[in-house]
Amino acid sequence: VLDVLGLDADCPSVVGAYGVRDLSALFLRLAELPDGVVLDI
């Protein structure tokens, strides 16, 4: 999941890996992904 989101694979978690300022960027990234990938995340 971290790889799909373009994050460092060594991040300890997906939750908290994005900062508050990155909320919009994360939303736009998720909007590009198919439903199956979003459900996996």
All heavy atoms as atom14 arrays in JSON, in Angstrom:
{
  "sequence": "VLDVLGLDADCPSVVGAYGVRDLSALFLRLAELPDGVVLDI",
  "atom14_mask": [
    [1, 1, 1, 1, 1, 1, 1, 0, 0, 0, 0, 0, 0, 0],
    [1, 1, 1, 1, 1, 1, 1, 1, 0, 0, 0, 0, 0, 0],
    [1, 1, 1, 1, 1, 1, 1, 1, 0, 0, 0, 0, 0, 0],
    [1, 1, 1, 1, 1, 1, 1, 0, 0, 0, 0, 0, 0, 0],
    [1, 1, 1, 1, 1, 1, 1, 1, 0, 0, 0, 0, 0, 0],
    [1, 1, 1, 1, 0, 0, 0, 0, 0, 0, 0, 0, 0, 0],
    [1, 1, 1, 1, 1, 1, 1, 1, 0, 0, 0, 0, 0, 0],
    [1, 1, 1, 1, 1, 1, 1, 1, 0, 0, 0, 0, 0, 0],
    [1, 1, 1, 1, 1, 0, 0, 0, 0, 0, 0, 0, 0, 0],
    [1, 1, 1, 1, 1, 1, 1, 1, 0, 0, 0, 0, 0, 0],
    [1, 1, 1, 1, 1, 1, 0, 0, 0, 0, 0, 0, 0, 0],
    [1, 1, 1, 1, 1, 1, 1, 0, 0, 0, 0, 0, 0, 0],
    [1, 1, 1, 1, 1, 1, 0, 0, 0, 0, 0, 0, 0, 0],
    [1, 1, 1, 1, 1, 1, 1, 0, 0, 0, 0, 0, 0, 0],
    [1, 1, 1, 1, 1, 1, 1, 0, 0, 0, 0, 0, 0, 0],
    [1, 1, 1, 1, 0, 0, 0, 0, 0, 0, 0, 0, 0, 0],
    [1, 1, 1, 1, 1, 0, 0, 0, 0, 0, 0, 0, 0, 0],
    [1, 1, 1, 1, 1, 1, 1, 1, 1, 1, 1, 1, 0, 0],
    [1, 1, 1, 1, 0, 0, 0, 0, 0, 0, 0, 0, 0, 0],
    [1, 1, 1, 1, 1, 1, 1, 0, 0, 0, 0, 0, 0, 0],
    [1, 1, 1, 1, 1, 1, 1, 1, 1, 1, 1, 0, 0, 0],
    [1, 1, 1, 1, 1, 1, 1, 1, 0, 0, 0, 0, 0, 0],
    [1, 1, 1, 1, 1, 1, 1, 1, 0, 0, 0, 0, 0, 0],
    [1, 1, 1, 1, 1, 1, 0, 0, 0, 0, 0, 0, 0, 0],
    [1, 1, 1, 1, 1, 0, 0, 0, 0, 0, 0, 0, 0, 0],
    [1, 1, 1, 1, 1, 1, 1, 1, 0, 0, 0, 0, 0, 0],
    [1, 1, 1, 1, 1, 1, 1, 1, 1, 1, 1, 0, 0, 0],
    [1, 1, 1, 1, 1, 1, 1, 1, 0, 0, 0, 0, 0, 0],
    [1, 1, 1, 1, 1, 1, 1, 1, 1, 1, 1, 0, 0, 0],
    [1, 1, 1, 1, 1, 1, 1, 1, 0, 0, 0, 0, 0, 0],
    [1, 1, 1, 1, 1, 0, 0, 0, 0, 0, 0, 0, 0, 0],
    [1, 1, 1, 1, 1, 1, 1, 1, 1, 0, 0, 0, 0, 0],
    [1, 1, 1, 1, 1, 1, 1, 1, 0, 0, 0, 0, 0, 0],
    [1, 1, 1, 1, 1, 1, 1, 0, 0, 0, 0, 0, 0, 0],
    [1, 1, 1, 1, 1, 1, 1, 1, 0, 0, 0, 0, 0, 0],
    [1, 1, 1, 1, 0, 0, 0, 0, 0, 0, 0, 0, 0, 0],
    [1, 1, 1, 1, 1, 1, 1, 0, 0, 0, 0, 0, 0, 0],
    [1, 1, 1, 1, 1, 1, 1, 0, 0, 0, 0, 0, 0, 0],
    [1, 1, 1, 1, 1, 1, 1, 1, 0, 0, 0, 0, 0, 0],
    [1, 1, 1, 1, 1, 1, 1, 1, 0, 0, 0, 0, 0, 0],
    [1, 1, 1, 1, 1, 1, 1, 1, 0, 0, 0, 0, 0, 0]
  ],
  "atom14_positions": [
    [[0.83, -1.21, 0.0], [0.0, 0.0, 0.0], [0.87, 1.26, 0.0], [0.59, 2.23, -0.72], [-0.95, -0.02, 1.21], [-1.58, 1.36, 1.42], [-2.03, -1.07, 1.01], [0.0, 0.0, 0.0], [0.0, 0.0, 0.0], [0.0, 0.0, 0.0], [0.0, 0.0, 0.0], [0.0, 0.0, 0.0], [0.0, 0.0, 0.0], [0.0, 0.0, 0.0]],
    [[1.92, 1.27, 0.8], [2.82, 2.42, 0.83], [3.42, 2.67, -0.55], [3.57, 3.82, -0.99], [3.94, 2.19, 1.85], [3.51, 2.25, 3.33], [4.62, 1.72, 4.23], [3.15, 3.68, 3.74], [0.0, 0.0, 0.0], [0.0, 0.0, 0.0], [0.0, 0.0, 0.0], [0.0, 0.0, 0.0], [0.0, 0.0, 0.0], [0.0, 0.0, 0.0]],
    [[3.75, 1.58, -1.25], [4.31, 1.71, -2.6], [3.28, 2.3, -3.56], [3.61, 3.17, -4.37], [4.79, 0.35, -3.08], [5.44, 0.43, -4.45], [6.47, 1.11, -4.57], [4.93, -0.19, -5.4], [0.0, 0.0, 0.0], [0.0, 0.0, 0.0], [0.0, 0.0, 0.0], [0.0, 0.0, 0.0], [0.0, 0.0, 0.0], [0.0, 0.0, 0.0]],
    [[2.04, 1.84, -3.46], [0.98, 2.37, -4.33], [0.78, 3.87, -4.09], [0.56, 4.64, -5.02], [-0.34, 1.6, -4.09], [-1.51, 2.32, -4.74], [-0.22, 0.19, -4.63], [0.0, 0.0, 0.0], [0.0, 0.0, 0.0], [0.0, 0.0, 0.0], [0.0, 0.0, 0.0], [0.0, 0.0, 0.0], [0.0, 0.0, 0.0], [0.0, 0.0, 0.0]],
    [[0.9, 4.29, -2.84], [0.69, 5.7, -2.5], [1.94, 6.55, -2.72], [1.93, 7.74, -2.44], [0.25, 5.81, -1.03], [-1.12, 5.21, -0.71], [-1.42, 5.33, 0.77], [-2.22, 5.87, -1.53], [0.0, 0.0, 0.0], [0.0, 0.0, 0.0], [0.0, 0.0, 0.0], [0.0, 0.0, 0.0], [0.0, 0.0, 0.0], [0.0, 0.0, 0.0]],
    [[3.01, 5.92, -3.18], [4.23, 6.68, -3.44], [4.98, 7.07, -2.18], [5.72, 8.06, -2.18], [0.0, 0.0, 0.0], [0.0, 0.0, 0.0], [0.0, 0.0, 0.0], [0.0, 0.0, 0.0], [0.0, 0.0, 0.0], [0.0, 0.0, 0.0], [0.0, 0.0, 0.0], [0.0, 0.0, 0.0], [0.0, 0.0, 0.0], [0.0, 0.0, 0.0]],
    [[4.8, 6.29, -1.11], [5.46, 6.59, 0.16], [6.62, 5.64, 0.39], [6.72, 4.58, -0.24], [4.45, 6.46, 1.31], [3.27, 7.43, 1.29], [2.24, 7.03, 2.31], [3.74, 8.86, 1.56], [0.0, 0.0, 0.0], [0.0, 0.0, 0.0], [0.0, 0.0, 0.0], [0.0, 0.0, 0.0], [0.0, 0.0, 0.0], [0.0, 0.0, 0.0]],
    [[7.49, 6.02, 1.32], [8.64, 5.19, 1.68], [8.14, 3.87, 2.26], [7.32, 3.84, 3.19], [9.5, 5.93, 2.7], [10.8, 5.19, 3.01], [10.93, 4.02, 2.63], [11.69, 5.79, 3.64], [0.0, 0.0, 0.0], [0.0, 0.0, 0.0], [0.0, 0.0, 0.0], [0.0, 0.0, 0.0], [0.0, 0.0, 0.0], [0.0, 0.0, 0.0]],
    [[8.63, 2.76, 1.73], [8.17, 1.44, 2.19], [8.54, 1.18, 3.64], [7.99, 0.28, 4.27], [8.76, 0.34, 1.3], [0.0, 0.0, 0.0], [0.0, 0.0, 0.0], [0.0, 0.0, 0.0], [0.0, 0.0, 0.0], [0.0, 0.0, 0.0], [0.0, 0.0, 0.0], [0.0, 0.0, 0.0], [0.0, 0.0, 0.0], [0.0, 0.0, 0.0]],
    [[9.48, 1.95, 4.2], [9.88, 1.76, 5.59], [9.07, 2.62, 6.56], [9.38, 2.64, 7.75], [11.38, 2.09, 5.75], [12.25, 1.05, 5.07], [11.85, -0.13, 5.05], [13.33, 1.4, 4.57], [0.0, 0.0, 0.0], [0.0, 0.0, 0.0], [0.0, 0.0, 0.0], [0.0, 0.0, 0.0], [0.0, 0.0, 0.0], [0.0, 0.0, 0.0]],
    [[8.06, 3.33, 6.07], [7.18, 4.08, 6.98], [6.54, 3.08, 7.94], [6.1, 2.01, 7.53], [6.09, 4.81, 6.21], [6.64, 6.32, 5.39], [0.0, 0.0, 0.0], [0.0, 0.0, 0.0], [0.0, 0.0, 0.0], [0.0, 0.0, 0.0], [0.0, 0.0, 0.0], [0.0, 0.0, 0.0], [0.0, 0.0, 0.0], [0.0, 0.0, 0.0]],
    [[6.47, 3.4, 9.25], [5.92, 2.43, 10.2], [4.43, 2.19, 10.03], [3.91, 1.2, 10.53], [6.22, 3.08, 11.56], [6.33, 4.54, 11.27], [6.93, 4.63, 9.9], [0.0, 0.0, 0.0], [0.0, 0.0, 0.0], [0.0, 0.0, 0.0], [0.0, 0.0, 0.0], [0.0, 0.0, 0.0], [0.0, 0.0, 0.0], [0.0, 0.0, 0.0]],
    [[3.72, 3.08, 9.33], [2.29, 2.9, 9.15], [1.81, 3.73, 7.98], [2.47, 4.68, 7.55], [1.52, 3.32, 10.42], [1.66, 4.71, 10.63], [0.0, 0.0, 0.0], [0.0, 0.0, 0.0], [0.0, 0.0, 0.0], [0.0, 0.0, 0.0], [0.0, 0.0, 0.0], [0.0, 0.0, 0.0], [0.0, 0.0, 0.0], [0.0, 0.0, 0.0]],
    [[0.64, 3.36, 7.46], [-0.01, 4.19, 6.45], [-0.69, 5.36, 7.13], [-0.6, 6.5, 6.68], [-1.03, 3.35, 5.65], [-1.77, 4.22, 4.64], [-0.32, 2.2, 4.94], [0.0, 0.0, 0.0], [0.0, 0.0, 0.0], [0.0, 0.0, 0.0], [0.0, 0.0, 0.0], [0.0, 0.0, 0.0], [0.0, 0.0, 0.0], [0.0, 0.0, 0.0]],
    [[-1.36, 5.09, 8.26], [-1.99, 6.16, 9.03], [-0.91, 7.06, 9.6], [0.0, 6.61, 10.27], [-2.84, 5.57, 10.18], [-3.39, 6.69, 11.06], [-3.97, 4.73, 9.62], [0.0, 0.0, 0.0], [0.0, 0.0, 0.0], [0.0, 0.0, 0.0], [0.0, 0.0, 0.0], [0.0, 0.0, 0.0], [0.0, 0.0, 0.0], [0.0, 0.0, 0.0]],
    [[-1.01, 8.35, 9.3], [-0.02, 9.3, 9.8], [1.14, 9.51, 8.86], [1.95, 10.42, 9.07], [0.0, 0.0, 0.0], [0.0, 0.0, 0.0], [0.0, 0.0, 0.0], [0.0, 0.0, 0.0], [0.0, 0.0, 0.0], [0.0, 0.0, 0.0], [0.0, 0.0, 0.0], [0.0, 0.0, 0.0], [0.0, 0.0, 0.0], [0.0, 0.0, 0.0]],
    [[1.28, 8.7, 7.79], [2.38, 8.89, 6.86], [2.21, 10.19, 6.08], [3.18, 10.84, 5.7], [2.47, 7.7, 5.91], [0.0, 0.0, 0.0], [0.0, 0.0, 0.0], [0.0, 0.0, 0.0], [0.0, 0.0, 0.0], [0.0, 0.0, 0.0], [0.0, 0.0, 0.0], [0.0, 0.0, 0.0], [0.0, 0.0, 0.0], [0.0, 0.0, 0.0]],
    [[0.96, 10.56, 5.8], [0.66, 11.84, 5.18], [0.39, 12.86, 6.27], [-0.3, 12.58, 7.24], [-0.58, 11.74, 4.29], [-0.31, 11.28, 2.88], [-0.29, 9.93, 2.56], [-0.08, 12.19, 1.87], [-0.06, 9.5, 1.27], [0.16, 11.78, 0.57], [0.16, 10.43, 0.27], [0.4, 10.02, -1.0], [0.0, 0.0, 0.0], [0.0, 0.0, 0.0]],
    [[0.94, 14.07, 6.11], [0.65, 15.14, 7.06], [-0.69, 15.79, 6.74], [-1.3, 15.52, 5.7], [0.0, 0.0, 0.0], [0.0, 0.0, 0.0], [0.0, 0.0, 0.0], [0.0, 0.0, 0.0], [0.0, 0.0, 0.0], [0.0, 0.0, 0.0], [0.0, 0.0, 0.0], [0.0, 0.0, 0.0], [0.0, 0.0, 0.0], [0.0, 0.0, 0.0]],
    [[-1.14, 16.67, 7.65], [-2.42, 17.35, 7.45], [-2.4, 18.16, 6.15], [-3.37, 18.21, 5.41], [-2.72, 18.28, 8.65], [-3.98, 19.09, 8.39], [-2.87, 17.45, 9.91], [0.0, 0.0, 0.0], [0.0, 0.0, 0.0], [0.0, 0.0, 0.0], [0.0, 0.0, 0.0], [0.0, 0.0, 0.0], [0.0, 0.0, 0.0], [0.0, 0.0, 0.0]],
    [[-1.25, 18.77, 5.86], [-1.16, 19.6, 4.65], [-1.27, 18.77, 3.38], [-1.52, 19.3, 2.3], [0.18, 20.35, 4.65], [0.31, 21.35, 5.79], [1.67, 22.01, 5.74], [1.87, 22.92, 6.86], [3.0, 23.56, 7.1], [4.03, 23.4, 6.3], [3.1, 24.37, 8.13], [0.0, 0.0, 0.0], [0.0, 0.0, 0.0], [0.0, 0.0, 0.0]],
    [[-1.02, 17.46, 3.46], [-1.04, 16.59, 2.29], [-2.4, 15.95, 2.06], [-2.52, 15.05, 1.23], [0.02, 15.49, 2.45], [1.42, 16.04, 2.51], [1.71, 17.02, 1.8], [2.22, 15.5, 3.28], [0.0, 0.0, 0.0], [0.0, 0.0, 0.0], [0.0, 0.0, 0.0], [0.0, 0.0, 0.0], [0.0, 0.0, 0.0], [0.0, 0.0, 0.0]],
    [[-3.42, 16.4, 2.79], [-4.74, 15.77, 2.68], [-5.27, 15.84, 1.25], [-5.76, 14.85, 0.71], [-5.71, 16.44, 3.64], [-7.14, 15.88, 3.66], [-7.14, 14.42, 4.05], [-8.01, 16.69, 4.61], [0.0, 0.0, 0.0], [0.0, 0.0, 0.0], [0.0, 0.0, 0.0], [0.0, 0.0, 0.0], [0.0, 0.0, 0.0], [0.0, 0.0, 0.0]],
    [[-5.17, 16.99, 0.63], [-5.68, 17.14, -0.74], [-4.91, 16.26, -1.71], [-5.49, 15.62, -2.6], [-5.59, 18.61, -1.17], [-6.4, 19.42, -0.36], [0.0, 0.0, 0.0], [0.0, 0.0, 0.0], [0.0, 0.0, 0.0], [0.0, 0.0, 0.0], [0.0, 0.0, 0.0], [0.0, 0.0, 0.0], [0.0, 0.0, 0.0], [0.0, 0.0, 0.0]],
    [[-3.57, 16.21, -1.54], [-2.74, 15.39, -2.42], [-3.12, 13.91, -2.3], [-3.2, 13.2, -3.31], [-1.27, 15.6, -2.1], [0.0, 0.0, 0.0], [0.0, 0.0, 0.0], [0.0, 0.0, 0.0], [0.0, 0.0, 0.0], [0.0, 0.0, 0.0], [0.0, 0.0, 0.0], [0.0, 0.0, 0.0], [0.0, 0.0, 0.0], [0.0, 0.0, 0.0]],
    [[-3.34, 13.47, -1.08], [-3.74, 12.08, -0.88], [-5.1, 11.81, -1.51], [-5.32, 10.77, -2.14], [-3.77, 11.73, 0.6], [-4.27, 10.34, 0.96], [-3.4, 9.28, 0.29], [-4.29, 10.13, 2.45], [0.0, 0.0, 0.0], [0.0, 0.0, 0.0], [0.0, 0.0, 0.0], [0.0, 0.0, 0.0], [0.0, 0.0, 0.0], [0.0, 0.0, 0.0]],
    [[-6.05, 12.74, -1.36], [-7.37, 12.57, -1.96], [-7.27, 12.44, -3.47], [-7.88, 11.55, -4.08], [-8.29, 13.74, -1.6], [-9.57, 13.76, -2.39], [-10.6, 12.89, -2.1], [-9.74, 14.63, -3.46], [-11.78, 12.89, -2.83], [-10.9, 14.64, -4.2], [-11.91, 13.77, -3.89], [0.0, 0.0, 0.0], [0.0, 0.0, 0.0], [0.0, 0.0, 0.0]],
    [[-6.5, 13.3, -4.11], [-6.36, 13.25, -5.56], [-5.68, 11.95, -5.99], [-6.01, 11.38, -7.04], [-5.55, 14.46, -6.04], [-6.23, 15.83, -5.86], [-5.29, 16.94, -6.26], [-7.52, 15.89, -6.68], [0.0, 0.0, 0.0], [0.0, 0.0, 0.0], [0.0, 0.0, 0.0], [0.0, 0.0, 0.0], [0.0, 0.0, 0.0], [0.0, 0.0, 0.0]],
    [[-4.73, 11.48, -5.19], [-4.08, 10.21, -5.5], [-5.08, 9.06, -5.43], [-5.14, 8.21, -6.33], [-2.92, 9.97, -4.53], [-2.25, 8.61, -4.64], [-1.66, 8.4, -6.0], [-0.99, 7.1, -6.1], [-0.79, 6.45, -7.24], [-1.21, 6.97, -8.37], [-0.17, 5.29, -7.24], [0.0, 0.0, 0.0], [0.0, 0.0, 0.0], [0.0, 0.0, 0.0]],
    [[-5.89, 9.03, -4.38], [-6.89, 7.97, -4.24], [-7.94, 8.05, -5.33], [-8.46, 7.02, -5.77], [-7.56, 8.06, -2.86], [-6.66, 7.76, -1.65], [-7.41, 8.03, -0.37], [-6.17, 6.32, -1.68], [0.0, 0.0, 0.0], [0.0, 0.0, 0.0], [0.0, 0.0, 0.0], [0.0, 0.0, 0.0], [0.0, 0.0, 0.0], [0.0, 0.0, 0.0]],
    [[-8.26, 9.25, -5.79], [-9.27, 9.42, -6.83], [-8.83, 8.79, -8.14], [-9.66, 8.42, -8.98], [-9.57, 10.9, -7.04], [0.0, 0.0, 0.0], [0.0, 0.0, 0.0], [0.0, 0.0, 0.0], [0.0, 0.0, 0.0], [0.0, 0.0, 0.0], [0.0, 0.0, 0.0], [0.0, 0.0, 0.0], [0.0, 0.0, 0.0], [0.0, 0.0, 0.0]],
    [[-7.52, 8.65, -8.34], [-6.99, 8.06, -9.57], [-6.98, 6.52, -9.54], [-6.8, 5.88, -10.57], [-5.56, 8.54, -9.81], [-5.45, 10.05, -10.01], [-4.0, 10.5, -10.04], [-3.12, 9.66, -9.76], [-3.76, 11.68, -10.34], [0.0, 0.0, 0.0], [0.0, 0.0, 0.0], [0.0, 0.0, 0.0], [0.0, 0.0, 0.0], [0.0, 0.0, 0.0]],
    [[-7.14, 5.96, -8.35], [-6.98, 4.51, -8.2], [-8.31, 3.78, -8.39], [-9.37, 4.29, -8.02], [-6.43, 4.18, -6.8], [-5.07, 4.8, -6.47], [-4.69, 4.5, -5.03], [-3.99, 4.26, -7.41], [0.0, 0.0, 0.0], [0.0, 0.0, 0.0], [0.0, 0.0, 0.0], [0.0, 0.0, 0.0], [0.0, 0.0, 0.0], [0.0, 0.0, 0.0]],
    [[-8.28, 2.57, -8.94], [-9.52, 1.8, -9.09], [-10.07, 1.37, -7.75], [-9.36, 1.34, -6.74], [-9.06, 0.58, -9.92], [-7.59, 0.48, -9.7], [-7.1, 1.89, -9.51], [0.0, 0.0, 0.0], [0.0, 0.0, 0.0], [0.0, 0.0, 0.0], [0.0, 0.0, 0.0], [0.0, 0.0, 0.0], [0.0, 0.0, 0.0], [0.0, 0.0, 0.0]],
    [[-11.35, 1.01, -7.74], [-12.04, 0.67, -6.49], [-11.33, -0.46, -5.75], [-11.21, -0.43, -4.53], [-13.49, 0.27, -6.78], [-14.33, 1.45, -7.24], [-13.85, 2.6, -7.09], [-15.43, 1.23, -7.76], [0.0, 0.0, 0.0], [0.0, 0.0, 0.0], [0.0, 0.0, 0.0], [0.0, 0.0, 0.0], [0.0, 0.0, 0.0], [0.0, 0.0, 0.0]],
    [[-10.88, -1.46, -6.49], [-10.24, -2.6, -5.83], [-9.0, -2.2, -5.06], [-8.77, -2.67, -3.94], [0.0, 0.0, 0.0], [0.0, 0.0, 0.0], [0.0, 0.0, 0.0], [0.0, 0.0, 0.0], [0.0, 0.0, 0.0], [0.0, 0.0, 0.0], [0.0, 0.0, 0.0], [0.0, 0.0, 0.0], [0.0, 0.0, 0.0], [0.0, 0.0, 0.0]],
    [[-8.18, -1.31, -5.62], [-6.96, -0.85, -4.94], [-7.33, -0.01, -3.71], [-6.72, -0.13, -2.65], [-6.07, -0.05, -5.91], [-4.86, 0.53, -5.17], [-5.62, -0.94, -7.06], [0.0, 0.0, 0.0], [0.0, 0.0, 0.0], [0.0, 0.0, 0.0], [0.0, 0.0, 0.0], [0.0, 0.0, 0.0], [0.0, 0.0, 0.0], [0.0, 0.0, 0.0]],
    [[-8.35, 0.85, -3.87], [-8.78, 1.67, -2.73], [-9.27, 0.79, -1.58], [-8.98, 1.06, -0.41], [-9.87, 2.66, -3.17], [-10.46, 3.38, -1.96], [-9.3, 3.67, -4.15], [0.0, 0.0, 0.0], [0.0, 0.0, 0.0], [0.0, 0.0, 0.0], [0.0, 0.0, 0.0], [0.0, 0.0, 0.0], [0.0, 0.0, 0.0], [0.0, 0.0, 0.0]],
    [[-9.99, -0.26, -1.91], [-10.48, -1.17, -0.86], [-9.32, -1.89, -0.19], [-9.35, -2.14, 1.02], [-11.46, -2.18, -1.46], [-12.84, -1.61, -1.84], [-13.66, -2.68, -2.54], [-13.57, -1.08, -0.62], [0.0, 0.0, 0.0], [0.0, 0.0, 0.0], [0.0, 0.0, 0.0], [0.0, 0.0, 0.0], [0.0, 0.0, 0.0], [0.0, 0.0, 0.0]],
    [[-8.27, -2.23, -0.94], [-7.09, -2.84, -0.34], [-6.43, -1.88, 0.65], [-5.99, -2.27, 1.73], [-6.08, -3.24, -1.42], [-6.55, -4.46, -2.21], [-7.44, -5.16, -1.71], [-6.02, -4.68, -3.31], [0.0, 0.0, 0.0], [0.0, 0.0, 0.0], [0.0, 0.0, 0.0], [0.0, 0.0, 0.0], [0.0, 0.0, 0.0], [0.0, 0.0, 0.0]],
    [[-6.34, -0.61, 0.27], [-5.78, 0.41, 1.16], [-6.65, 0.56, 2.4], [-6.16, 0.65, 3.53], [-5.64, 1.75, 0.42], [-4.64, 1.62, -0.73], [-5.22, 2.87, 1.38], [-4.58, 2.82, -1.64], [0.0, 0.0, 0.0], [0.0, 0.0, 0.0], [0.0, 0.0, 0.0], [0.0, 0.0, 0.0], [0.0, 0.0, 0.0], [0.0, 0.0, 0.0]]
  ]
}
